[in-house]
Amino acid sequence: MTNARMTAVTWSLSVVAVSALLAGCSGEISVGNSDPKLSADKLATTVSEKLAATTGRPKPDVTCPDDLVGKVGNTTRCTLTANDGSTLGVTVKVSSVDGSKVNFDIKADDTASPAAN
C-alpha cells in the first residue's frame, strides 16, 4: 500500500514538473512544400526533442495521431507515455507560419492518466 502511494506521489510530482516545463515550450519546423503541414511522426519527434532539451532528461515516448496543418490557431493532441505506462496529454498549437516554417507552442495537461492495470 505504501509503495503504491509513493508511486502516485512521485508521478504527481513528475507531472507537475513536466507540465510546468512544457507550458512555456515551443518549437518550429520547416517543411519543403507549399502547403505547410507537419507529419504526425515529425511532430512527435520534435515535441520529444524539445521536452528532452528543456528537462535535460532522455527523450520521452511521444505519439501524435494527426498531422498538424500550418495555420495559426490549429491544434492537435499528442500523448506522452511514461515508463510505467501512465500517460500525459499534450496540446500542440500553431502560433505562426512563415512560408514553410511552422512555429508551435506545447502545453501539457495538468493531470496524467494512470497506467492501465
N, C-alpha and C. Protein backbone atom coordinates (compact mmCIF):
# COMPACT_ATOMS: atom_id res chain seq x y z
N MET A 1 0.82 -1.18 0.00
CA MET A 1 0.00 0.00 0.00
C MET A 1 0.87 1.25 0.00
N THR A 2 1.89 1.29 0.86
CA THR A 2 2.79 2.43 0.93
C THR A 2 3.51 2.62 -0.39
N ASN A 3 3.92 1.53 -1.02
CA ASN A 3 4.61 1.61 -2.30
C ASN A 3 3.70 2.22 -3.37
N ALA A 4 2.44 1.85 -3.37
CA ALA A 4 1.50 2.41 -4.34
C ALA A 4 1.32 3.91 -4.11
N ARG A 5 1.26 4.32 -2.85
CA ARG A 5 1.13 5.75 -2.54
C ARG A 5 2.37 6.51 -2.98
N MET A 6 3.54 5.95 -2.74
CA MET A 6 4.78 6.62 -3.15
C MET A 6 4.83 6.76 -4.67
N THR A 7 4.39 5.73 -5.39
CA THR A 7 4.37 5.81 -6.84
C THR A 7 3.44 6.91 -7.30
N ALA A 8 2.27 7.01 -6.69
CA ALA A 8 1.31 8.04 -7.05
C ALA A 8 1.86 9.43 -6.73
N VAL A 9 2.49 9.58 -5.58
CA VAL A 9 3.08 10.87 -5.21
C VAL A 9 4.21 11.23 -6.15
N THR A 10 5.08 10.27 -6.43
CA THR A 10 6.19 10.52 -7.34
C THR A 10 5.68 10.91 -8.71
N TRP A 11 4.68 10.20 -9.22
CA TRP A 11 4.12 10.51 -10.53
C TRP A 11 3.48 11.88 -10.52
N SER A 12 2.74 12.21 -9.48
CA SER A 12 2.09 13.52 -9.39
C SER A 12 3.12 14.63 -9.44
N LEU A 13 4.20 14.48 -8.70
CA LEU A 13 5.25 15.49 -8.71
C LEU A 13 5.92 15.58 -10.08
N SER A 14 6.10 14.45 -10.73
CA SER A 14 6.69 14.44 -12.07
C SER A 14 5.78 15.14 -13.07
N VAL A 15 4.49 14.89 -12.96
CA VAL A 15 3.53 15.52 -13.88
C VAL A 15 3.55 17.02 -13.70
N VAL A 16 3.58 17.49 -12.47
CA VAL A 16 3.63 18.93 -12.21
C VAL A 16 4.89 19.52 -12.83
N ALA A 17 6.01 18.85 -12.67
CA ALA A 17 7.27 19.35 -13.23
C ALA A 17 7.22 19.37 -14.75
N VAL A 18 6.74 18.30 -15.36
CA VAL A 18 6.65 18.23 -16.81
C VAL A 18 5.69 19.28 -17.33
N SER A 19 4.55 19.44 -16.68
CA SER A 19 3.57 20.43 -17.11
C SER A 19 4.15 21.83 -17.06
N ALA A 20 4.86 22.13 -16.01
CA ALA A 20 5.46 23.46 -15.89
C ALA A 20 6.50 23.69 -16.98
N LEU A 21 7.26 22.68 -17.28
CA LEU A 21 8.28 22.82 -18.31
C LEU A 21 7.68 22.91 -19.70
N LEU A 22 6.65 22.13 -19.96
CA LEU A 22 6.05 22.16 -21.29
C LEU A 22 5.22 23.40 -21.54
N ALA A 23 4.68 23.98 -20.52
CA ALA A 23 3.80 25.13 -20.72
C ALA A 23 4.49 26.24 -21.48
N GLY A 24 5.77 26.44 -21.28
CA GLY A 24 6.48 27.50 -21.96
C GLY A 24 7.30 27.02 -23.13
N CYS A 25 7.16 25.81 -23.53
CA CYS A 25 7.97 25.23 -24.59
C CYS A 25 7.35 25.52 -25.95
N SER A 26 8.18 25.80 -26.92
CA SER A 26 7.67 25.97 -28.26
C SER A 26 8.69 25.40 -29.23
N GLY A 27 8.28 25.20 -30.44
CA GLY A 27 9.18 24.64 -31.44
C GLY A 27 8.85 25.17 -32.81
N GLU A 28 9.69 24.83 -33.75
CA GLU A 28 9.44 25.22 -35.12
C GLU A 28 10.00 24.17 -36.05
N ILE A 29 9.37 24.03 -37.19
CA ILE A 29 9.82 23.07 -38.18
C ILE A 29 9.62 23.70 -39.55
N SER A 30 10.61 23.54 -40.42
CA SER A 30 10.45 23.98 -41.80
C SER A 30 10.11 22.75 -42.64
N VAL A 31 9.11 22.91 -43.47
CA VAL A 31 8.70 21.81 -44.35
C VAL A 31 8.91 22.26 -45.79
N GLY A 32 9.16 21.32 -46.67
CA GLY A 32 9.57 21.66 -48.02
C GLY A 32 8.48 21.68 -49.07
N ASN A 33 7.25 21.99 -48.73
CA ASN A 33 6.23 22.08 -49.76
C ASN A 33 5.42 23.36 -49.58
N SER A 34 4.56 23.66 -50.54
CA SER A 34 3.81 24.91 -50.50
C SER A 34 2.68 24.89 -49.47
N ASP A 35 2.24 23.73 -49.06
CA ASP A 35 1.19 23.61 -48.06
C ASP A 35 1.85 23.17 -46.76
N PRO A 36 2.20 24.15 -45.88
CA PRO A 36 2.93 23.74 -44.68
C PRO A 36 2.11 22.81 -43.80
N LYS A 37 2.63 21.64 -43.60
CA LYS A 37 1.98 20.64 -42.76
C LYS A 37 3.06 19.78 -42.15
N LEU A 38 2.94 19.52 -40.86
CA LEU A 38 3.90 18.67 -40.18
C LEU A 38 3.30 17.28 -40.04
N SER A 39 4.05 16.28 -40.46
CA SER A 39 3.55 14.92 -40.30
C SER A 39 3.48 14.59 -38.81
N ALA A 40 2.59 13.68 -38.47
CA ALA A 40 2.42 13.26 -37.08
C ALA A 40 3.73 12.74 -36.51
N ASP A 41 4.48 11.97 -37.30
CA ASP A 41 5.75 11.41 -36.82
C ASP A 41 6.79 12.49 -36.56
N LYS A 42 6.91 13.45 -37.47
CA LYS A 42 7.88 14.54 -37.30
C LYS A 42 7.50 15.40 -36.10
N LEU A 43 6.21 15.66 -35.95
CA LEU A 43 5.73 16.45 -34.82
C LEU A 43 6.05 15.75 -33.50
N ALA A 44 5.78 14.46 -33.41
CA ALA A 44 6.06 13.69 -32.19
C ALA A 44 7.55 13.73 -31.86
N THR A 45 8.39 13.57 -32.87
CA THR A 45 9.83 13.60 -32.67
C THR A 45 10.28 14.96 -32.14
N THR A 46 9.74 16.02 -32.75
CA THR A 46 10.13 17.37 -32.34
C THR A 46 9.66 17.69 -30.92
N VAL A 47 8.44 17.32 -30.58
CA VAL A 47 7.93 17.54 -29.23
C VAL A 47 8.81 16.79 -28.22
N SER A 48 9.15 15.55 -28.53
CA SER A 48 10.00 14.75 -27.65
C SER A 48 11.38 15.39 -27.49
N GLU A 49 11.96 15.88 -28.58
CA GLU A 49 13.27 16.53 -28.53
C GLU A 49 13.22 17.81 -27.70
N LYS A 50 12.17 18.61 -27.89
CA LYS A 50 12.03 19.86 -27.13
C LYS A 50 11.89 19.57 -25.63
N LEU A 51 11.13 18.55 -25.29
CA LEU A 51 10.97 18.19 -23.89
C LEU A 51 12.30 17.73 -23.30
N ALA A 52 13.03 16.90 -24.03
CA ALA A 52 14.33 16.42 -23.54
C ALA A 52 15.30 17.58 -23.36
N ALA A 53 15.30 18.52 -24.29
CA ALA A 53 16.19 19.68 -24.18
C ALA A 53 15.82 20.56 -22.98
N THR A 54 14.52 20.68 -22.72
CA THR A 54 14.05 21.51 -21.62
C THR A 54 14.35 20.88 -20.26
N THR A 55 14.20 19.56 -20.17
CA THR A 55 14.36 18.88 -18.88
C THR A 55 15.76 18.34 -18.64
N GLY A 56 16.54 18.19 -19.72
CA GLY A 56 17.86 17.58 -19.57
C GLY A 56 17.80 16.08 -19.37
N ARG A 57 16.66 15.50 -19.65
CA ARG A 57 16.45 14.05 -19.49
C ARG A 57 16.35 13.40 -20.86
N PRO A 58 16.40 12.07 -20.94
CA PRO A 58 16.25 11.39 -22.23
C PRO A 58 14.90 11.71 -22.88
N LYS A 59 14.86 11.58 -24.20
CA LYS A 59 13.63 11.87 -24.93
C LYS A 59 12.52 10.92 -24.48
N PRO A 60 11.36 11.47 -24.14
CA PRO A 60 10.23 10.62 -23.75
C PRO A 60 9.53 10.06 -24.99
N ASP A 61 8.69 9.07 -24.76
CA ASP A 61 7.89 8.47 -25.82
C ASP A 61 6.67 9.35 -26.07
N VAL A 62 6.64 10.02 -27.21
CA VAL A 62 5.54 10.90 -27.57
C VAL A 62 4.94 10.40 -28.88
N THR A 63 3.62 10.32 -28.93
CA THR A 63 2.93 9.96 -30.17
C THR A 63 1.91 11.04 -30.48
N CYS A 64 1.79 11.34 -31.77
CA CYS A 64 0.80 12.30 -32.26
C CYS A 64 0.01 11.59 -33.36
N PRO A 65 -1.30 11.46 -33.20
CA PRO A 65 -2.08 10.69 -34.16
C PRO A 65 -2.38 11.43 -35.46
N ASP A 66 -2.27 12.76 -35.45
CA ASP A 66 -2.65 13.54 -36.63
C ASP A 66 -1.54 14.47 -37.06
N ASP A 67 -1.51 14.77 -38.37
CA ASP A 67 -0.62 15.79 -38.88
C ASP A 67 -1.10 17.15 -38.35
N LEU A 68 -0.21 18.13 -38.36
CA LEU A 68 -0.55 19.48 -37.93
C LEU A 68 -0.43 20.41 -39.13
N VAL A 69 -1.56 20.93 -39.59
CA VAL A 69 -1.58 21.85 -40.71
C VAL A 69 -1.12 23.22 -40.22
N GLY A 70 -0.19 23.81 -40.96
CA GLY A 70 0.41 25.09 -40.57
C GLY A 70 -0.50 26.28 -40.79
N LYS A 71 -1.53 26.39 -39.98
CA LYS A 71 -2.42 27.54 -39.99
C LYS A 71 -2.55 28.02 -38.55
N VAL A 72 -2.30 29.31 -38.32
CA VAL A 72 -2.31 29.86 -36.96
C VAL A 72 -3.60 29.48 -36.25
N GLY A 73 -3.44 28.95 -35.04
CA GLY A 73 -4.58 28.54 -34.22
C GLY A 73 -4.91 27.06 -34.33
N ASN A 74 -4.45 26.37 -35.36
CA ASN A 74 -4.71 24.93 -35.47
C ASN A 74 -4.04 24.20 -34.32
N THR A 75 -4.71 23.17 -33.83
CA THR A 75 -4.16 22.37 -32.74
C THR A 75 -4.27 20.88 -33.05
N THR A 76 -3.46 20.12 -32.35
CA THR A 76 -3.56 18.67 -32.36
C THR A 76 -3.18 18.20 -30.97
N ARG A 77 -3.57 16.98 -30.65
CA ARG A 77 -3.26 16.39 -29.35
C ARG A 77 -2.24 15.27 -29.52
N CYS A 78 -1.26 15.28 -28.66
CA CYS A 78 -0.26 14.22 -28.63
C CYS A 78 -0.32 13.58 -27.24
N THR A 79 0.33 12.44 -27.10
CA THR A 79 0.35 11.73 -25.83
C THR A 79 1.78 11.38 -25.46
N LEU A 80 2.16 11.74 -24.24
CA LEU A 80 3.45 11.36 -23.68
C LEU A 80 3.20 10.15 -22.79
N THR A 81 3.92 9.08 -23.03
CA THR A 81 3.78 7.86 -22.23
C THR A 81 5.02 7.65 -21.39
N ALA A 82 4.83 7.56 -20.08
CA ALA A 82 5.94 7.35 -19.14
C ALA A 82 6.33 5.88 -19.12
N ASN A 83 7.48 5.61 -18.53
CA ASN A 83 7.99 4.24 -18.45
C ASN A 83 7.03 3.30 -17.72
N ASP A 84 6.25 3.84 -16.77
CA ASP A 84 5.32 2.99 -16.02
C ASP A 84 3.98 2.80 -16.74
N GLY A 85 3.85 3.37 -17.94
CA GLY A 85 2.62 3.20 -18.72
C GLY A 85 1.60 4.31 -18.53
N SER A 86 1.82 5.19 -17.57
CA SER A 86 0.90 6.31 -17.39
C SER A 86 1.10 7.29 -18.55
N THR A 87 0.06 8.09 -18.81
CA THR A 87 0.10 8.99 -19.96
C THR A 87 -0.22 10.42 -19.56
N LEU A 88 0.26 11.34 -20.37
CA LEU A 88 0.00 12.75 -20.18
C LEU A 88 -0.35 13.34 -21.53
N GLY A 89 -1.49 14.00 -21.63
CA GLY A 89 -1.90 14.63 -22.87
C GLY A 89 -1.11 15.91 -23.10
N VAL A 90 -0.81 16.18 -24.36
CA VAL A 90 -0.06 17.37 -24.74
C VAL A 90 -0.78 18.02 -25.92
N THR A 91 -1.06 19.31 -25.80
CA THR A 91 -1.68 20.06 -26.89
C THR A 91 -0.60 20.83 -27.62
N VAL A 92 -0.62 20.74 -28.94
CA VAL A 92 0.32 21.47 -29.78
C VAL A 92 -0.50 22.44 -30.61
N LYS A 93 -0.15 23.74 -30.54
CA LYS A 93 -0.93 24.78 -31.21
C LYS A 93 -0.02 25.63 -32.10
N VAL A 94 -0.42 25.80 -33.35
CA VAL A 94 0.36 26.61 -34.28
C VAL A 94 0.28 28.07 -33.83
N SER A 95 1.45 28.68 -33.60
CA SER A 95 1.50 30.07 -33.16
C SER A 95 1.78 31.03 -34.31
N SER A 96 2.52 30.57 -35.32
CA SER A 96 2.77 31.40 -36.50
C SER A 96 3.29 30.52 -37.63
N VAL A 97 3.17 31.04 -38.83
CA VAL A 97 3.68 30.36 -40.01
C VAL A 97 4.44 31.39 -40.83
N ASP A 98 5.67 31.07 -41.21
CA ASP A 98 6.48 31.96 -42.02
C ASP A 98 6.94 31.18 -43.25
N GLY A 99 6.18 31.29 -44.34
CA GLY A 99 6.48 30.50 -45.53
C GLY A 99 6.23 29.04 -45.24
N SER A 100 7.29 28.24 -45.26
CA SER A 100 7.15 26.82 -44.97
C SER A 100 7.53 26.49 -43.53
N LYS A 101 7.83 27.50 -42.74
CA LYS A 101 8.24 27.31 -41.34
C LYS A 101 7.02 27.43 -40.43
N VAL A 102 6.72 26.33 -39.72
CA VAL A 102 5.57 26.28 -38.81
C VAL A 102 6.09 26.37 -37.38
N ASN A 103 5.66 27.40 -36.66
CA ASN A 103 6.03 27.58 -35.26
C ASN A 103 4.86 27.14 -34.40
N PHE A 104 5.16 26.47 -33.29
CA PHE A 104 4.08 25.97 -32.44
C PHE A 104 4.45 26.03 -30.98
N ASP A 105 3.42 26.07 -30.14
CA ASP A 105 3.58 26.03 -28.69
C ASP A 105 3.10 24.68 -28.19
N ILE A 106 3.69 24.25 -27.08
CA ILE A 106 3.37 22.95 -26.48
C ILE A 106 2.85 23.19 -25.06
N LYS A 107 1.72 22.57 -24.74
CA LYS A 107 1.14 22.69 -23.40
C LYS A 107 0.68 21.32 -22.93
N ALA A 108 1.22 20.89 -21.80
CA ALA A 108 0.84 19.60 -21.22
C ALA A 108 -0.40 19.76 -20.36
N ASP A 109 -1.18 18.71 -20.27
CA ASP A 109 -2.34 18.70 -19.38
C ASP A 109 -1.86 18.82 -17.93
N ASP A 110 -2.78 19.24 -17.06
CA ASP A 110 -2.45 19.40 -15.65
C ASP A 110 -2.35 18.07 -14.91
N THR A 111 -3.07 17.05 -15.38
CA THR A 111 -3.06 15.76 -14.70
C THR A 111 -2.80 14.63 -15.69
N ALA A 112 -2.20 13.59 -15.19
CA ALA A 112 -1.88 12.42 -16.00
C ALA A 112 -2.93 11.34 -15.78
N SER A 113 -2.96 10.42 -16.71
CA SER A 113 -3.81 9.23 -16.57
C SER A 113 -2.93 8.08 -16.12
N PRO A 114 -3.34 7.35 -15.08
CA PRO A 114 -2.52 6.24 -14.61
C PRO A 114 -2.46 5.12 -15.65
N ALA A 115 -1.46 4.29 -15.49
CA ALA A 115 -1.31 3.14 -16.37
C ALA A 115 -2.48 2.19 -16.21
N ALA A 116 -2.86 1.56 -17.30
CA ALA A 116 -3.90 0.55 -17.23
C ALA A 116 -3.38 -0.66 -16.46
N ASN A 117 -4.24 -1.25 -15.65
CA ASN A 117 -3.81 -2.41 -14.85
C ASN A 117 -3.84 -3.66 -15.64
